[in-house]
Amino acid sequence: ISGDPAIDTFVKDIEKLTRFEPEALRVSATVRK
């Protein structure tokens, strides 16, 4: 609600963490790393 740009950056960063499907994380050690 304060429009903090650090929170906006945090949101974009955590969205990047979900770019792979769970199955890709299960089968690929490289993706997990």
PDB file of all heavy atoms in Angstrom:
ATOM      1  N   ILE A   1       0.809  -1.220   0.000  1.00  0.00           N
ATOM      2  CA  ILE A   1       0.000   0.000   0.000  1.00  0.00           C
ATOM      3  C   ILE A   1       0.844   1.272   0.000  1.00  0.00           C
ATOM      4  O   ILE A   1       0.377   2.322  -0.393  1.00  0.00           O
ATOM      5  CB  ILE A   1      -0.991   0.019   1.187  1.00  0.00           C
ATOM      6  CG1 ILE A   1      -0.254  -0.145   2.520  1.00  0.00           C
ATOM      7  CG2 ILE A   1      -2.047  -1.054   1.015  1.00  0.00           C
ATOM      8  CD1 ILE A   1      -1.128   0.005   3.736  1.00  0.00           C
ATOM      9  N   SER A   2       2.102   1.142   0.401  1.00  0.00           N
ATOM     10  CA  SER A   2       2.973   2.326   0.406  1.00  0.00           C
ATOM     11  C   SER A   2       3.666   2.539  -0.940  1.00  0.00           C
ATOM     12  O   SER A   2       4.346   3.546  -1.130  1.00  0.00           O
ATOM     13  CB  SER A   2       4.028   2.193   1.503  1.00  0.00           C
ATOM     14  OG  SER A   2       4.900   1.122   1.217  1.00  0.00           O
ATOM     15  N   GLY A   3       3.486   1.593  -1.873  1.00  0.00           N
ATOM     16  CA  GLY A   3       4.134   1.723  -3.182  1.00  0.00           C
ATOM     17  C   GLY A   3       5.644   1.554  -3.120  1.00  0.00           C
ATOM     18  O   GLY A   3       6.374   2.108  -3.943  1.00  0.00           O
ATOM     19  N   ASP A   4       6.122   0.774  -2.165  1.00  0.00           N
ATOM     20  CA  ASP A   4       7.557   0.564  -1.966  1.00  0.00           C
ATOM     21  C   ASP A   4       8.153  -0.193  -3.163  1.00  0.00           C
ATOM     22  O   ASP A   4       7.761  -1.313  -3.450  1.00  0.00           O
ATOM     23  CB  ASP A   4       7.771  -0.240  -0.678  1.00  0.00           C
ATOM     24  CG  ASP A   4       9.225  -0.361  -0.284  1.00  0.00           C
ATOM     25  OD1 ASP A   4      10.099  -0.268  -1.166  1.00  0.00           O
ATOM     26  OD2 ASP A   4       9.483  -0.560   0.912  1.00  0.00           O
ATOM     27  N   PRO A   5       9.095   0.430  -3.883  1.00  0.00           N
ATOM     28  CA  PRO A   5       9.683  -0.243  -5.049  1.00  0.00           C
ATOM     29  C   PRO A   5      10.458  -1.505  -4.675  1.00  0.00           C
ATOM     30  O   PRO A   5      10.574  -2.412  -5.495  1.00  0.00           O
ATOM     31  CB  PRO A   5      10.609   0.809  -5.663  1.00  0.00           C
ATOM     32  CG  PRO A   5      10.777   1.862  -4.637  1.00  0.00           C
ATOM     33  CD  PRO A   5       9.621   1.775  -3.700  1.00  0.00           C
ATOM     34  N   ALA A   6      10.956  -1.594  -3.448  1.00  0.00           N
ATOM     35  CA  ALA A   6      11.667  -2.805  -3.027  1.00  0.00           C
ATOM     36  C   ALA A   6      10.720  -4.000  -2.999  1.00  0.00           C
ATOM     37  O   ALA A   6      11.117  -5.121  -3.344  1.00  0.00           O
ATOM     38  CB  ALA A   6      12.314  -2.601  -1.658  1.00  0.00           C
ATOM     39  N   ILE A   7       9.464  -3.770  -2.631  1.00  0.00           N
ATOM     40  CA  ILE A   7       8.483  -4.853  -2.626  1.00  0.00           C
ATOM     41  C   ILE A   7       8.164  -5.261  -4.062  1.00  0.00           C
ATOM     42  O   ILE A   7       8.056  -6.448  -4.369  1.00  0.00           O
ATOM     43  CB  ILE A   7       7.214  -4.462  -1.843  1.00  0.00           C
ATOM     44  CG1 ILE A   7       7.573  -4.314  -0.358  1.00  0.00           C
ATOM     45  CG2 ILE A   7       6.107  -5.500  -2.032  1.00  0.00           C
ATOM     46  CD1 ILE A   7       6.453  -3.833   0.516  1.00  0.00           C
ATOM     47  N   ASP A   8       8.041  -4.285  -4.952  1.00  0.00           N
ATOM     48  CA  ASP A   8       7.799  -4.610  -6.360  1.00  0.00           C
ATOM     49  C   ASP A   8       8.934  -5.472  -6.923  1.00  0.00           C
ATOM     50  O   ASP A   8       8.691  -6.438  -7.646  1.00  0.00           O
ATOM     51  CB  ASP A   8       7.660  -3.341  -7.198  1.00  0.00           C
ATOM     52  CG  ASP A   8       6.393  -2.568  -6.880  1.00  0.00           C
ATOM     53  OD1 ASP A   8       5.419  -3.181  -6.368  1.00  0.00           O
ATOM     54  OD2 ASP A   8       6.366  -1.350  -7.122  1.00  0.00           O
ATOM     55  N   THR A   9      10.165  -5.126  -6.576  1.00  0.00           N
ATOM     56  CA  THR A   9      11.317  -5.910  -7.029  1.00  0.00           C
ATOM     57  C   THR A   9      11.274  -7.306  -6.435  1.00  0.00           C
ATOM     58  O   THR A   9      11.524  -8.302  -7.128  1.00  0.00           O
ATOM     59  CB  THR A   9      12.632  -5.206  -6.640  1.00  0.00           C
ATOM     60  OG1 THR A   9      12.659  -3.935  -7.277  1.00  0.00           O
ATOM     61  CG2 THR A   9      13.846  -6.012  -7.059  1.00  0.00           C
ATOM     62  N   PHE A  10      10.937  -7.398  -5.154  1.00  0.00           N
ATOM     63  CA  PHE A  10      10.813  -8.692  -4.488  1.00  0.00           C
ATOM     64  C   PHE A  10       9.789  -9.567  -5.197  1.00  0.00           C
ATOM     65  O   PHE A  10      10.026 -10.742  -5.453  1.00  0.00           O
ATOM     66  CB  PHE A  10      10.433  -8.492  -3.022  1.00  0.00           C
ATOM     67  CG  PHE A  10      10.039  -9.746  -2.310  1.00  0.00           C
ATOM     68  CD1 PHE A  10      10.971 -10.727  -2.037  1.00  0.00           C
ATOM     69  CD2 PHE A  10       8.726  -9.946  -1.918  1.00  0.00           C
ATOM     70  CE1 PHE A  10      10.602 -11.896  -1.383  1.00  0.00           C
ATOM     71  CE2 PHE A  10       8.348 -11.099  -1.267  1.00  0.00           C
ATOM     72  CZ  PHE A  10       9.286 -12.085  -1.001  1.00  0.00           C
ATOM     73  N   VAL A  11       8.643  -8.989  -5.546  1.00  0.00           N
ATOM     74  CA  VAL A  11       7.595  -9.752  -6.225  1.00  0.00           C
ATOM     75  C   VAL A  11       8.112 -10.292  -7.560  1.00  0.00           C
ATOM     76  O   VAL A  11       7.922 -11.468  -7.888  1.00  0.00           O
ATOM     77  CB  VAL A  11       6.331  -8.890  -6.440  1.00  0.00           C
ATOM     78  CG1 VAL A  11       5.345  -9.574  -7.369  1.00  0.00           C
ATOM     79  CG2 VAL A  11       5.683  -8.576  -5.099  1.00  0.00           C
ATOM     80  N   LYS A  12       8.785  -9.457  -8.321  1.00  0.00           N
ATOM     81  CA  LYS A  12       9.328  -9.915  -9.608  1.00  0.00           C
ATOM     82  C   LYS A  12      10.348 -11.027  -9.400  1.00  0.00           C
ATOM     83  O   LYS A  12      10.389 -11.995 -10.164  1.00  0.00           O
ATOM     84  CB  LYS A  12       9.952  -8.744 -10.359  1.00  0.00           C
ATOM     85  CG  LYS A  12       8.922  -7.783 -10.886  1.00  0.00           C
ATOM     86  CD  LYS A  12       9.552  -6.581 -11.549  1.00  0.00           C
ATOM     87  CE  LYS A  12       8.454  -5.613 -11.956  1.00  0.00           C
ATOM     88  NZ  LYS A  12       8.909  -4.270 -12.125  1.00  0.00           N
ATOM     89  N   ASP A  13      11.154 -10.890  -8.363  1.00  0.00           N
ATOM     90  CA  ASP A  13      12.162 -11.913  -8.083  1.00  0.00           C
ATOM     91  C   ASP A  13      11.531 -13.243  -7.691  1.00  0.00           C
ATOM     92  O   ASP A  13      11.991 -14.297  -8.118  1.00  0.00           O
ATOM     93  CB  ASP A  13      13.108 -11.443  -6.985  1.00  0.00           C
ATOM     94  CG  ASP A  13      14.029 -10.325  -7.453  1.00  0.00           C
ATOM     95  OD1 ASP A  13      14.168 -10.123  -8.673  1.00  0.00           O
ATOM     96  OD2 ASP A  13      14.608  -9.651  -6.581  1.00  0.00           O
ATOM     97  N   ILE A  14      10.490 -13.205  -6.867  1.00  0.00           N
ATOM     98  CA  ILE A  14       9.883 -14.476  -6.478  1.00  0.00           C
ATOM     99  C   ILE A  14       9.076 -15.087  -7.629  1.00  0.00           C
ATOM    100  O   ILE A  14       8.977 -16.303  -7.725  1.00  0.00           O
ATOM    101  CB  ILE A  14       9.057 -14.388  -5.174  1.00  0.00           C
ATOM    102  CG1 ILE A  14       7.904 -13.433  -5.291  1.00  0.00           C
ATOM    103  CG2 ILE A  14       9.929 -14.092  -4.000  1.00  0.00           C
ATOM    104  CD1 ILE A  14       6.972 -13.441  -4.091  1.00  0.00           C
ATOM    105  N   GLU A  15       8.545 -14.243  -8.513  1.00  0.00           N
ATOM    106  CA  GLU A  15       7.878 -14.784  -9.696  1.00  0.00           C
ATOM    107  C   GLU A  15       8.871 -15.583 -10.548  1.00  0.00           C
ATOM    108  O   GLU A  15       8.531 -16.622 -11.101  1.00  0.00           O
ATOM    109  CB  GLU A  15       7.253 -13.671 -10.524  1.00  0.00           C
ATOM    110  CG  GLU A  15       5.987 -13.119  -9.907  1.00  0.00           C
ATOM    111  CD  GLU A  15       5.452 -11.906 -10.636  1.00  0.00           C
ATOM    112  OE1 GLU A  15       6.221 -11.239 -11.374  1.00  0.00           O
ATOM    113  OE2 GLU A  15       4.257 -11.610 -10.465  1.00  0.00           O
ATOM    114  N   LYS A  16      10.109 -15.101 -10.633  1.00  0.00           N
ATOM    115  CA  LYS A  16      11.136 -15.815 -11.402  1.00  0.00           C
ATOM    116  C   LYS A  16      11.413 -17.191 -10.807  1.00  0.00           C
ATOM    117  O   LYS A  16      11.771 -18.115 -11.530  1.00  0.00           O
ATOM    118  CB  LYS A  16      12.438 -15.012 -11.443  1.00  0.00           C
ATOM    119  CG  LYS A  16      12.360 -13.774 -12.281  1.00  0.00           C
ATOM    120  CD  LYS A  16      13.677 -13.021 -12.210  1.00  0.00           C
ATOM    121  CE  LYS A  16      13.544 -11.616 -12.750  1.00  0.00           C
ATOM    122  NZ  LYS A  16      14.749 -10.827 -12.511  1.00  0.00           N
ATOM    123  N   LEU A  17      11.246 -17.331  -9.497  1.00  0.00           N
ATOM    124  CA  LEU A  17      11.502 -18.618  -8.854  1.00  0.00           C
ATOM    125  C   LEU A  17      10.491 -19.675  -9.268  1.00  0.00           C
ATOM    126  O   LEU A  17      10.743 -20.860  -9.104  1.00  0.00           O
ATOM    127  CB  LEU A  17      11.481 -18.469  -7.328  1.00  0.00           C
ATOM    128  CG  LEU A  17      12.539 -17.555  -6.722  1.00  0.00           C
ATOM    129  CD1 LEU A  17      12.328 -17.435  -5.223  1.00  0.00           C
ATOM    130  CD2 LEU A  17      13.947 -18.053  -7.038  1.00  0.00           C
ATOM    131  N   THR A  18       9.354 -19.259  -9.795  1.00  0.00           N
ATOM    132  CA  THR A  18       8.311 -20.206 -10.176  1.00  0.00           C
ATOM    133  C   THR A  18       8.249 -20.419 -11.688  1.00  0.00           C
ATOM    134  O   THR A  18       7.258 -20.901 -12.203  1.00  0.00           O
ATOM    135  CB  THR A  18       6.936 -19.742  -9.661  1.00  0.00           C
ATOM    136  OG1 THR A  18       6.587 -18.509 -10.291  1.00  0.00           O
ATOM    137  CG2 THR A  18       6.935 -19.570  -8.160  1.00  0.00           C
ATOM    138  N   ARG A  19       9.329 -20.079 -12.373  1.00  0.00           N
ATOM    139  CA  ARG A  19       9.308 -20.190 -13.832  1.00  0.00           C
ATOM    140  C   ARG A  19       9.345 -21.632 -14.318  1.00  0.00           C
ATOM    141  O   ARG A  19       9.056 -21.908 -15.475  1.00  0.00           O
ATOM    142  CB  ARG A  19      10.445 -19.388 -14.444  1.00  0.00           C
ATOM    143  CG  ARG A  19      11.837 -19.906 -14.156  1.00  0.00           C
ATOM    144  CD  ARG A  19      12.897 -18.917 -14.639  1.00  0.00           C
ATOM    145  NE  ARG A  19      14.234 -19.355 -14.389  1.00  0.00           N
ATOM    146  CZ  ARG A  19      14.898 -19.221 -13.243  1.00  0.00           C
ATOM    147  NH1 ARG A  19      14.306 -18.647 -12.219  1.00  0.00           N
ATOM    148  NH2 ARG A  19      16.132 -19.641 -13.115  1.00  0.00           N
ATOM    149  N   PHE A  20       9.695 -22.574 -13.437  1.00  0.00           N
ATOM    150  CA  PHE A  20       9.731 -23.987 -13.812  1.00  0.00           C
ATOM    151  C   PHE A  20       8.596 -24.736 -13.153  1.00  0.00           C
ATOM    152  O   PHE A  20       8.218 -24.440 -12.020  1.00  0.00           O
ATOM    153  CB  PHE A  20      11.063 -24.621 -13.387  1.00  0.00           C
ATOM    154  CG  PHE A  20      12.256 -24.043 -14.083  1.00  0.00           C
ATOM    155  CD1 PHE A  20      13.078 -23.144 -13.442  1.00  0.00           C
ATOM    156  CD2 PHE A  20      12.531 -24.375 -15.393  1.00  0.00           C
ATOM    157  CE1 PHE A  20      14.179 -22.595 -14.076  1.00  0.00           C
ATOM    158  CE2 PHE A  20      13.627 -23.836 -16.050  1.00  0.00           C
ATOM    159  CZ  PHE A  20      14.451 -22.950 -15.396  1.00  0.00           C
ATOM    160  N   GLU A  21       8.077 -25.714 -13.856  1.00  0.00           N
ATOM    161  CA  GLU A  21       7.043 -26.578 -13.295  1.00  0.00           C
ATOM    162  C   GLU A  21       7.686 -27.488 -12.247  1.00  0.00           C
ATOM    163  O   GLU A  21       8.874 -27.807 -12.334  1.00  0.00           O
ATOM    164  CB  GLU A  21       6.406 -27.428 -14.401  1.00  0.00           C
ATOM    165  CG  GLU A  21       5.608 -26.624 -15.415  1.00  0.00           C
ATOM    166  CD  GLU A  21       4.412 -25.940 -14.785  1.00  0.00           C
ATOM    167  OE1 GLU A  21       3.755 -26.550 -13.923  1.00  0.00           O
ATOM    168  OE2 GLU A  21       4.137 -24.778 -15.137  1.00  0.00           O
ATOM    169  N   PRO A  22       6.904 -27.925 -11.260  1.00  0.00           N
ATOM    170  CA  PRO A  22       7.457 -28.812 -10.235  1.00  0.00           C
ATOM    171  C   PRO A  22       8.158 -30.043 -10.805  1.00  0.00           C
ATOM    172  O   PRO A  22       9.195 -30.453 -10.296  1.00  0.00           O
ATOM    173  CB  PRO A  22       6.228 -29.204  -9.401  1.00  0.00           C
ATOM    174  CG  PRO A  22       5.300 -28.046  -9.562  1.00  0.00           C
ATOM    175  CD  PRO A  22       5.514 -27.558 -10.977  1.00  0.00           C
ATOM    176  N   GLU A  23       7.622 -30.605 -11.858  1.00  0.00           N
ATOM    177  CA  GLU A  23       8.222 -31.810 -12.440  1.00  0.00           C
ATOM    178  C   GLU A  23       9.635 -31.539 -12.954  1.00  0.00           C
ATOM    179  O   GLU A  23      10.531 -32.372 -12.824  1.00  0.00           O
ATOM    180  CB  GLU A  23       7.339 -32.380 -13.560  1.00  0.00           C
ATOM    181  CG  GLU A  23       7.768 -33.753 -14.024  1.00  0.00           C
ATOM    182  CD  GLU A  23       7.766 -34.822 -12.919  1.00  0.00           C
ATOM    183  OE1 GLU A  23       7.007 -34.692 -11.941  1.00  0.00           O
ATOM    184  OE2 GLU A  23       8.539 -35.779 -13.046  1.00  0.00           O
ATOM    185  N   ALA A  24       9.849 -30.354 -13.525  1.00  0.00           N
ATOM    186  CA  ALA A  24      11.190 -29.997 -14.006  1.00  0.00           C
ATOM    187  C   ALA A  24      12.170 -29.934 -12.837  1.00  0.00           C
ATOM    188  O   ALA A  24      13.327 -30.340 -12.963  1.00  0.00           O
ATOM    189  CB  ALA A  24      11.161 -28.668 -14.747  1.00  0.00           C
ATOM    190  N   LEU A  25      11.703 -29.453 -11.699  1.00  0.00           N
ATOM    191  CA  LEU A  25      12.555 -29.392 -10.516  1.00  0.00           C
ATOM    192  C   LEU A  25      12.864 -30.789  -9.986  1.00  0.00           C
ATOM    193  O   LEU A  25      13.961 -31.049  -9.493  1.00  0.00           O
ATOM    194  CB  LEU A  25      11.892 -28.558  -9.421  1.00  0.00           C
ATOM    195  CG  LEU A  25      11.771 -27.068  -9.737  1.00  0.00           C
ATOM    196  CD1 LEU A  25      10.800 -26.401  -8.793  1.00  0.00           C
ATOM    197  CD2 LEU A  25      13.122 -26.404  -9.668  1.00  0.00           C
ATOM    198  N   ARG A  26      11.899 -31.680 -10.108  1.00  0.00           N
ATOM    199  CA  ARG A  26      12.105 -33.049  -9.636  1.00  0.00           C
ATOM    200  C   ARG A  26      13.149 -33.789 -10.467  1.00  0.00           C
ATOM    201  O   ARG A  26      13.954 -34.530  -9.925  1.00  0.00           O
ATOM    202  CB  ARG A  26      10.797 -33.832  -9.678  1.00  0.00           C
ATOM    203  CG  ARG A  26       9.865 -33.529  -8.574  1.00  0.00           C
ATOM    204  CD  ARG A  26       8.703 -34.532  -8.540  1.00  0.00           C
ATOM    205  NE  ARG A  26       7.700 -34.025  -7.657  1.00  0.00           N
ATOM    206  CZ  ARG A  26       6.662 -33.284  -8.034  1.00  0.00           C
ATOM    207  NH1 ARG A  26       6.462 -33.009  -9.296  1.00  0.00           N
ATOM    208  NH2 ARG A  26       5.808 -32.839  -7.141  1.00  0.00           N
ATOM    209  N   VAL A  27      13.104 -33.601 -11.776  1.00  0.00           N
ATOM    210  CA  VAL A  27      13.934 -34.431 -12.652  1.00  0.00           C
ATOM    211  C   VAL A  27      15.287 -33.823 -12.998  1.00  0.00           C
ATOM    212  O   VAL A  27      16.164 -34.523 -13.482  1.00  0.00           O
ATOM    213  CB  VAL A  27      13.184 -34.812 -13.962  1.00  0.00           C
ATOM    214  CG1 VAL A  27      11.924 -35.594 -13.643  1.00  0.00           C
ATOM    215  CG2 VAL A  27      12.876 -33.598 -14.806  1.00  0.00           C
ATOM    216  N   SER A  28      15.475 -32.547 -12.757  1.00  0.00           N
ATOM    217  CA  SER A  28      16.718 -31.901 -13.165  1.00  0.00           C
ATOM    218  C   SER A  28      17.466 -31.284 -11.982  1.00  0.00           C
ATOM    219  O   SER A  28      17.031 -30.291 -11.404  1.00  0.00           O
ATOM    220  CB  SER A  28      16.439 -30.809 -14.202  1.00  0.00           C
ATOM    221  OG  SER A  28      17.627 -30.094 -14.487  1.00  0.00           O
ATOM    222  N   ALA A  29      18.606 -31.877 -11.669  1.00  0.00           N
ATOM    223  CA  ALA A  29      19.442 -31.328 -10.598  1.00  0.00           C
ATOM    224  C   ALA A  29      19.933 -29.930 -10.970  1.00  0.00           C
ATOM    225  O   ALA A  29      20.072 -29.064 -10.101  1.00  0.00           O
ATOM    226  CB  ALA A  29      20.616 -32.259 -10.323  1.00  0.00           C
ATOM    227  N   THR A  30      20.170 -29.690 -12.241  1.00  0.00           N
ATOM    228  CA  THR A  30      20.639 -28.373 -12.698  1.00  0.00           C
ATOM    229  C   THR A  30      19.580 -27.314 -12.463  1.00  0.00           C
ATOM    230  O   THR A  30      19.874 -26.222 -11.961  1.00  0.00           O
ATOM    231  CB  THR A  30      21.034 -28.426 -14.184  1.00  0.00           C
ATOM    232  OG1 THR A  30      22.039 -29.412 -14.354  1.00  0.00           O
ATOM    233  CG2 THR A  30      21.536 -27.085 -14.672  1.00  0.00           C
ATOM    234  N   VAL A  31      18.335 -27.616 -12.825  1.00  0.00           N
ATOM    235  CA  VAL A  31      17.233 -26.670 -12.612  1.00  0.00           C
ATOM    236  C   VAL A  31      17.060 -26.404 -11.123  1.00  0.00           C
ATOM    237  O   VAL A  31      16.922 -25.253 -10.703  1.00  0.00           O
ATOM    238  CB  VAL A  31      15.923 -27.194 -13.247  1.00  0.00           C
ATOM    239  CG1 VAL A  31      14.728 -26.354 -12.825  1.00  0.00           C
ATOM    240  CG2 VAL A  31      16.041 -27.213 -14.765  1.00  0.00           C
ATOM    241  N   ARG A  32      17.094 -27.476 -10.300  1.00  0.00           N
ATOM    242  CA  ARG A  32      16.960 -27.298  -8.850  1.00  0.00           C
ATOM    243  C   ARG A  32      18.059 -26.397  -8.309  1.00  0.00           C
ATOM    244  O   ARG A  32      17.806 -25.503  -7.507  1.00  0.00           O
ATOM    245  CB  ARG A  32      17.014 -28.653  -8.126  1.00  0.00           C
ATOM    246  CG  ARG A  32      15.742 -29.434  -8.166  1.00  0.00           C
ATOM    247  CD  ARG A  32      15.751 -30.574  -7.172  1.00  0.00           C
ATOM    248  NE  ARG A  32      16.902 -31.455  -7.258  1.00  0.00           N
ATOM    249  CZ  ARG A  32      16.989 -32.500  -8.073  1.00  0.00           C
ATOM    250  NH1 ARG A  32      15.986 -32.797  -8.889  1.00  0.00           N
ATOM    251  NH2 ARG A  32      18.067 -33.247  -8.069  1.00  0.00           N
ATOM    252  N   LYS A  33      19.280 -26.622  -8.758  1.00  0.00           N
ATOM    253  CA  LYS A  33      20.414 -25.821  -8.278  1.00  0.00           C
ATOM    254  C   LYS A  33      20.241 -24.362  -8.678  1.00  0.00           C
ATOM    255  O   LYS A  33      20.475 -23.457  -7.877  1.00  0.00           O
ATOM    256  CB  LYS A  33      21.718 -26.374  -8.843  1.00  0.00           C
ATOM    257  CG  LYS A  33      22.925 -25.626  -8.352  1.00  0.00           C
ATOM    258  CD  LYS A  33      24.208 -26.198  -8.930  1.00  0.00           C
ATOM    259  CE  LYS A  33      25.371 -25.348  -8.465  1.00  0.00           C
ATOM    260  NZ  LYS A  33      26.484 -25.358  -9.355  1.00  0.00           N
TER     261      LYS A  33
END
